[in-house]
């Protein structure tokens, strides 16, 4: 008899929980998953739910969604590819070797110097940015950008001077150094 009572209780609990889930889903459609008053969300869970909703463009995520679910089945063994031409890269490094470097990312093909100051004019500074765009040794494989600023009233203001000639000279220097790099290998 106790077994029948236990089975009956278990049956009622399971039946009600299915209806409760359906009711929650219906109320989610009315109120939205995060704002459903029948969901017992802590303040942190509510904030996360709303953030996920905004990130998905208004579509709510399941609160229990894990990072693995969001990322999918990613390959855990990364593959590294060098998308930059090694000669252009070496030419760019050679061109900037007399300056302190802030960034030198050979995988992304990007070099940026720290600010370069002139002893003659401490109120002016420049930075050189070089991006290797090609995996082939071509004349358009490197892009050089020169940015200069002037100190006015304790503020650094970007100069509106046309520096395209200086950028061309630096680009030619990168290409010249790249050609020398080919010959040295």
C-alpha atoms as a PDB file:
ATOM      1  CA  UNK A   1       0.000   0.000   0.000  1.00  0.00           C
ATOM      2  CA  UNK A   2       2.860   2.362   0.824  1.00  0.00           C
ATOM      3  CA  UNK A   3       4.384   1.632  -2.572  1.00  0.00           C
ATOM      4  CA  UNK A   4       1.122   2.587  -4.320  1.00  0.00           C
ATOM      5  CA  UNK A   5       0.981   5.831  -2.319  1.00  0.00           C
ATOM      6  CA  UNK A   6       4.575   6.602  -3.160  1.00  0.00           C
ATOM      7  CA  UNK A   7       3.997   5.874  -6.868  1.00  0.00           C
ATOM      8  CA  UNK A   8       0.842   8.004  -6.880  1.00  0.00           C
ATOM      9  CA  UNK A   9       2.724  10.902  -5.241  1.00  0.00           C
ATOM     10  CA  UNK A  10       5.601  10.530  -7.682  1.00  0.00           C
ATOM     11  CA  UNK A  11       3.164  10.471 -10.626  1.00  0.00           C
ATOM     12  CA  UNK A  12       1.448  13.656  -9.421  1.00  0.00           C
ATOM     13  CA  UNK A  13       4.770  15.459  -8.897  1.00  0.00           C
ATOM     14  CA  UNK A  14       6.040  14.475 -12.346  1.00  0.00           C
ATOM     15  CA  UNK A  15       2.739  15.441 -13.992  1.00  0.00           C
ATOM     16  CA  UNK A  16       2.633  18.811 -12.260  1.00  0.00           C
ATOM     17  CA  UNK A  17       6.242  19.598 -13.064  1.00  0.00           C
ATOM     18  CA  UNK A  18       5.555  19.122 -16.786  1.00  0.00           C
ATOM     19  CA  UNK A  19       2.594  21.478 -16.588  1.00  0.00           C
ATOM     20  CA  UNK A  20       4.663  23.958 -14.576  1.00  0.00           C
ATOM     21  CA  UNK A  21       7.339  23.961 -17.279  1.00  0.00           C
ATOM     22  CA  UNK A  22       4.703  24.574 -19.957  1.00  0.00           C
ATOM     23  CA  UNK A  23       3.201  27.370 -17.874  1.00  0.00           C
ATOM     24  CA  UNK A  24       6.650  28.954 -17.429  1.00  0.00           C
ATOM     25  CA  UNK A  25       7.251  28.802 -21.179  1.00  0.00           C
ATOM     26  CA  UNK A  26       3.860  30.394 -21.876  1.00  0.00           C
ATOM     27  CA  UNK A  27       4.530  33.142 -19.341  1.00  0.00           C
ATOM     28  CA  UNK A  28       7.969  33.662 -20.902  1.00  0.00           C
ATOM     29  CA  UNK A  29       6.187  34.508 -24.152  1.00  0.00           C
ATOM     30  CA  UNK A  30       3.997  37.039 -22.361  1.00  0.00           C
ATOM     31  CA  UNK A  31       6.555  38.718 -20.061  1.00  0.00           C
ATOM     32  CA  UNK A  32       9.871  37.723 -21.633  1.00  0.00           C
ATOM     33  CA  UNK A  33      12.133  35.137 -20.090  1.00  0.00           C
ATOM     34  CA  UNK A  34      14.041  37.562 -17.873  1.00  0.00           C
ATOM     35  CA  UNK A  35      10.984  39.518 -16.675  1.00  0.00           C
ATOM     36  CA  UNK A  36       8.738  36.523 -16.004  1.00  0.00           C
ATOM     37  CA  UNK A  37       7.552  37.044 -12.380  1.00  0.00           C
ATOM     38  CA  UNK A  38       7.278  33.263 -11.875  1.00  0.00           C
ATOM     39  CA  UNK A  39      10.996  32.723 -12.462  1.00  0.00           C
ATOM     40  CA  UNK A  40      12.998  32.999  -9.290  1.00  0.00           C
ATOM     41  CA  UNK A  41      16.073  34.898 -10.538  1.00  0.00           C
ATOM     42  CA  UNK A  42      18.624  36.481  -8.249  1.00  0.00           C
ATOM     43  CA  UNK A  43      19.753  40.012  -9.062  1.00  0.00           C
ATOM     44  CA  UNK A  44      22.906  38.683 -10.716  1.00  0.00           C
ATOM     45  CA  UNK A  45      20.981  36.071 -12.729  1.00  0.00           C
ATOM     46  CA  UNK A  46      18.532  38.763 -13.858  1.00  0.00           C
ATOM     47  CA  UNK A  47      21.374  41.072 -14.942  1.00  0.00           C
ATOM     48  CA  UNK A  48      23.078  38.258 -16.847  1.00  0.00           C
ATOM     49  CA  UNK A  49      19.801  37.262 -18.489  1.00  0.00           C
ATOM     50  CA  UNK A  50      19.135  40.845 -19.646  1.00  0.00           C
ATOM     51  CA  UNK A  51      22.710  41.214 -20.914  1.00  0.00           C
ATOM     52  CA  UNK A  52      22.401  37.993 -22.889  1.00  0.00           C
ATOM     53  CA  UNK A  53      19.062  39.151 -24.239  1.00  0.00           C
ATOM     54  CA  UNK A  54      20.596  42.426 -25.470  1.00  0.00           C
ATOM     55  CA  UNK A  55      23.634  40.628 -26.915  1.00  0.00           C
ATOM     56  CA  UNK A  56      21.362  38.332 -28.901  1.00  0.00           C
ATOM     57  CA  UNK A  57      19.434  41.247 -30.370  1.00  0.00           C
ATOM     58  CA  UNK A  58      16.432  40.826 -28.101  1.00  0.00           C
ATOM     59  CA  UNK A  59      16.288  37.035 -28.216  1.00  0.00           C
ATOM     60  CA  UNK A  60      16.632  35.581 -24.711  1.00  0.00           C
ATOM     61  CA  UNK A  61      19.236  32.927 -23.983  1.00  0.00           C
ATOM     62  CA  UNK A  62      18.714  30.068 -21.616  1.00  0.00           C
ATOM     63  CA  UNK A  63      20.078  31.189 -18.262  1.00  0.00           C
ATOM     64  CA  UNK A  64      21.969  27.936 -17.867  1.00  0.00           C
ATOM     65  CA  UNK A  65      23.774  28.314 -21.212  1.00  0.00           C
ATOM     66  CA  UNK A  66      27.432  27.583 -20.726  1.00  0.00           C
ATOM     67  CA  UNK A  67      30.377  29.118 -22.505  1.00  0.00           C
ATOM     68  CA  UNK A  68      30.918  25.806 -24.272  1.00  0.00           C
ATOM     69  CA  UNK A  69      27.363  25.940 -25.617  1.00  0.00           C
ATOM     70  CA  UNK A  70      27.907  29.492 -26.865  1.00  0.00           C
ATOM     71  CA  UNK A  71      31.194  28.649 -28.571  1.00  0.00           C
ATOM     72  CA  UNK A  72      30.049  25.365 -30.038  1.00  0.00           C
ATOM     73  CA  UNK A  73      32.433  22.565 -30.787  1.00  0.00           C
ATOM     74  CA  UNK A  74      35.652  24.409 -31.356  1.00  0.00           C
ATOM     75  CA  UNK A  75      38.805  22.611 -32.252  1.00  0.00           C
ATOM     76  CA  UNK A  76      40.922  22.583 -29.119  1.00  0.00           C
ATOM     77  CA  UNK A  77      44.114  22.285 -31.166  1.00  0.00           C
ATOM     78  CA  UNK A  78      44.655  25.739 -32.687  1.00  0.00           C
ATOM     79  CA  UNK A  79      46.242  26.076 -36.088  1.00  0.00           C
ATOM     80  CA  UNK A  80      48.657  28.933 -36.550  1.00  0.00           C
ATOM     81  CA  UNK A  81      49.267  30.388 -39.958  1.00  0.00           C
ATOM     82  CA  UNK A  82      51.635  33.141 -40.816  1.00  0.00           C
ATOM     83  CA  UNK A  83      49.745  35.428 -43.195  1.00  0.00           C
ATOM     84  CA  UNK A  84      52.657  37.807 -43.673  1.00  0.00           C
ATOM     85  CA  UNK A  85      55.559  37.596 -46.058  1.00  0.00           C
ATOM     86  CA  UNK A  86      58.695  36.959 -44.018  1.00  0.00           C
ATOM     87  CA  UNK A  87      60.800  39.239 -46.218  1.00  0.00           C
ATOM     88  CA  UNK A  88      58.377  42.162 -45.898  1.00  0.00           C
ATOM     89  CA  UNK A  89      58.197  41.491 -42.165  1.00  0.00           C
ATOM     90  CA  UNK A  90      61.995  41.480 -41.876  1.00  0.00           C
ATOM     91  CA  UNK A  91      62.137  44.660 -43.984  1.00  0.00           C
ATOM     92  CA  UNK A  92      59.633  46.372 -41.669  1.00  0.00           C
ATOM     93  CA  UNK A  93      61.535  45.270 -38.556  1.00  0.00           C
ATOM     94  CA  UNK A  94      64.799  46.487 -40.099  1.00  0.00           C
ATOM     95  CA  UNK A  95      63.188  49.852 -40.942  1.00  0.00           C
ATOM     96  CA  UNK A  96      62.023  50.393 -37.354  1.00  0.00           C
ATOM     97  CA  UNK A  97      65.029  48.879 -35.547  1.00  0.00           C
ATOM     98  CA  UNK A  98      66.335  52.240 -34.327  1.00  0.00           C
ATOM     99  CA  UNK A  99      63.037  53.080 -32.605  1.00  0.00           C
ATOM    100  CA  UNK A 100      61.468  51.557 -29.510  1.00  0.00           C
ATOM    101  CA  UNK A 101      58.633  49.245 -30.523  1.00  0.00           C
ATOM    102  CA  UNK A 102      55.262  49.228 -28.809  1.00  0.00           C
ATOM    103  CA  UNK A 103      53.785  46.352 -30.860  1.00  0.00           C
ATOM    104  CA  UNK A 104      55.464  43.792 -33.091  1.00  0.00           C
ATOM    105  CA  UNK A 105      52.893  41.137 -34.050  1.00  0.00           C
ATOM    106  CA  UNK A 106      54.351  38.916 -36.753  1.00  0.00           C
ATOM    107  CA  UNK A 107      51.205  36.758 -36.957  1.00  0.00           C
ATOM    108  CA  UNK A 108      49.026  39.784 -37.671  1.00  0.00           C
ATOM    109  CA  UNK A 109      51.776  41.576 -39.577  1.00  0.00           C
ATOM    110  CA  UNK A 110      51.579  44.748 -37.518  1.00  0.00           C
ATOM    111  CA  UNK A 111      54.351  46.940 -36.112  1.00  0.00           C
ATOM    112  CA  UNK A 112      53.883  50.122 -34.126  1.00  0.00           C
ATOM    113  CA  UNK A 113      56.620  52.211 -32.536  1.00  0.00           C
ATOM    114  CA  UNK A 114      56.381  54.047 -29.258  1.00  0.00           C
ATOM    115  CA  UNK A 115      56.145  57.809 -29.578  1.00  0.00           C
ATOM    116  CA  UNK A 116      59.276  59.186 -31.201  1.00  0.00           C
ATOM    117  CA  UNK A 117      60.442  62.531 -29.855  1.00  0.00           C
ATOM    118  CA  UNK A 118      62.956  64.882 -31.425  1.00  0.00           C
ATOM    119  CA  UNK A 119      65.619  66.452 -29.218  1.00  0.00           C
ATOM    120  CA  UNK A 120      65.251  69.629 -31.275  1.00  0.00           C
ATOM    121  CA  UNK A 121      61.513  69.906 -30.671  1.00  0.00           C
ATOM    122  CA  UNK A 122      60.175  68.195 -27.509  1.00  0.00           C
ATOM    123  CA  UNK A 123      56.674  69.549 -28.255  1.00  0.00           C
ATOM    124  CA  UNK A 124      56.318  67.266 -31.260  1.00  0.00           C
ATOM    125  CA  UNK A 125      56.077  63.484 -31.404  1.00  0.00           C
ATOM    126  CA  UNK A 126      55.411  60.887 -34.080  1.00  0.00           C
ATOM    127  CA  UNK A 127      54.550  57.204 -34.276  1.00  0.00           C
ATOM    128  CA  UNK A 128      55.177  54.815 -37.163  1.00  0.00           C
ATOM    129  CA  UNK A 129      52.598  52.113 -37.934  1.00  0.00           C
ATOM    130  CA  UNK A 130      53.414  49.416 -40.474  1.00  0.00           C
ATOM    131  CA  UNK A 131      51.086  46.673 -41.598  1.00  0.00           C
ATOM    132  CA  UNK A 132      52.271  43.799 -43.773  1.00  0.00           C
ATOM    133  CA  UNK A 133      49.241  43.015 -45.907  1.00  0.00           C
ATOM    134  CA  UNK A 134      50.451  40.194 -48.113  1.00  0.00           C
ATOM    135  CA  UNK A 135      51.952  36.753 -47.862  1.00  0.00           C
ATOM    136  CA  UNK A 136      53.776  37.471 -51.130  1.00  0.00           C
ATOM    137  CA  UNK A 137      56.675  39.823 -51.738  1.00  0.00           C
ATOM    138  CA  UNK A 138      54.871  42.546 -53.690  1.00  0.00           C
ATOM    139  CA  UNK A 139      55.265  46.314 -53.703  1.00  0.00           C
ATOM    140  CA  UNK A 140      51.765  46.783 -52.295  1.00  0.00           C
ATOM    141  CA  UNK A 141      52.379  44.252 -49.526  1.00  0.00           C
ATOM    142  CA  UNK A 142      53.190  46.803 -46.828  1.00  0.00           C
ATOM    143  CA  UNK A 143      51.277  49.866 -45.707  1.00  0.00           C
ATOM    144  CA  UNK A 144      52.986  52.577 -43.662  1.00  0.00           C
ATOM    145  CA  UNK A 145      51.134  55.214 -41.647  1.00  0.00           C
ATOM    146  CA  UNK A 146      52.894  58.078 -39.910  1.00  0.00           C
ATOM    147  CA  UNK A 147      51.052  59.978 -37.193  1.00  0.00           C
ATOM    148  CA  UNK A 148      52.471  63.143 -35.648  1.00  0.00           C
ATOM    149  CA  UNK A 149      51.178  65.243 -32.796  1.00  0.00           C
ATOM    150  CA  UNK A 150      52.002  68.667 -31.431  1.00  0.00           C
ATOM    151  CA  UNK A 151      51.794  69.730 -27.792  1.00  0.00           C
ATOM    152  CA  UNK A 152      49.591  72.781 -27.385  1.00  0.00           C
ATOM    153  CA  UNK A 153      48.700  73.969 -23.866  1.00  0.00           C
ATOM    154  CA  UNK A 154      49.590  70.612 -22.261  1.00  0.00           C
ATOM    155  CA  UNK A 155      47.423  68.721 -24.803  1.00  0.00           C
ATOM    156  CA  UNK A 156      48.688  66.567 -27.656  1.00  0.00           C
ATOM    157  CA  UNK A 157      46.878  67.541 -30.859  1.00  0.00           C
ATOM    158  CA  UNK A 158      47.164  65.521 -34.073  1.00  0.00           C
ATOM    159  CA  UNK A 159      48.837  67.546 -36.795  1.00  0.00           C
ATOM    160  CA  UNK A 160      46.858  68.041 -39.979  1.00  0.00           C
ATOM    161  CA  UNK A 161      50.040  68.011 -42.075  1.00  0.00           C
ATOM    162  CA  UNK A 162      50.120  65.809 -45.184  1.00  0.00           C
ATOM    163  CA  UNK A 163      52.709  63.136 -44.408  1.00  0.00           C
ATOM    164  CA  UNK A 164      52.119  61.024 -47.525  1.00  0.00           C
ATOM    165  CA  UNK A 165      55.626  61.711 -48.917  1.00  0.00           C
ATOM    166  CA  UNK A 166      57.248  60.595 -45.658  1.00  0.00           C
ATOM    167  CA  UNK A 167      55.009  57.501 -45.647  1.00  0.00           C
ATOM    168  CA  UNK A 168      56.112  56.706 -49.221  1.00  0.00           C
ATOM    169  CA  UNK A 169      59.765  57.061 -48.222  1.00  0.00           C
ATOM    170  CA  UNK A 170      59.255  54.675 -45.295  1.00  0.00           C
ATOM    171  CA  UNK A 171      57.372  52.218 -47.540  1.00  0.00           C
ATOM    172  CA  UNK A 172      60.236  52.259 -50.043  1.00  0.00           C
ATOM    173  CA  UNK A 173      62.670  51.678 -47.167  1.00  0.00           C
ATOM    174  CA  UNK A 174      60.627  48.654 -46.035  1.00  0.00           C
ATOM    175  CA  UNK A 175      60.684  47.275 -49.604  1.00  0.00           C
ATOM    176  CA  UNK A 176      64.406  47.953 -49.962  1.00  0.00           C
ATOM    177  CA  UNK A 177      65.120  46.169 -46.670  1.00  0.00           C
ATOM    178  CA  UNK A 178      62.854  43.300 -47.756  1.00  0.00           C
ATOM    179  CA  UNK A 179      64.832  42.914 -50.998  1.00  0.00           C
ATOM    180  CA  UNK A 180      68.072  42.845 -49.000  1.00  0.00           C
ATOM    181  CA  UNK A 181      66.491  40.250 -46.712  1.00  0.00           C
ATOM    182  CA  UNK A 182      65.771  38.028 -49.741  1.00  0.00           C
ATOM    183  CA  UNK A 183      69.402  38.251 -50.822  1.00  0.00           C
ATOM    184  CA  UNK A 184      70.725  37.411 -47.363  1.00  0.00           C
ATOM    185  CA  UNK A 185      68.795  34.125 -47.108  1.00  0.00           C
END
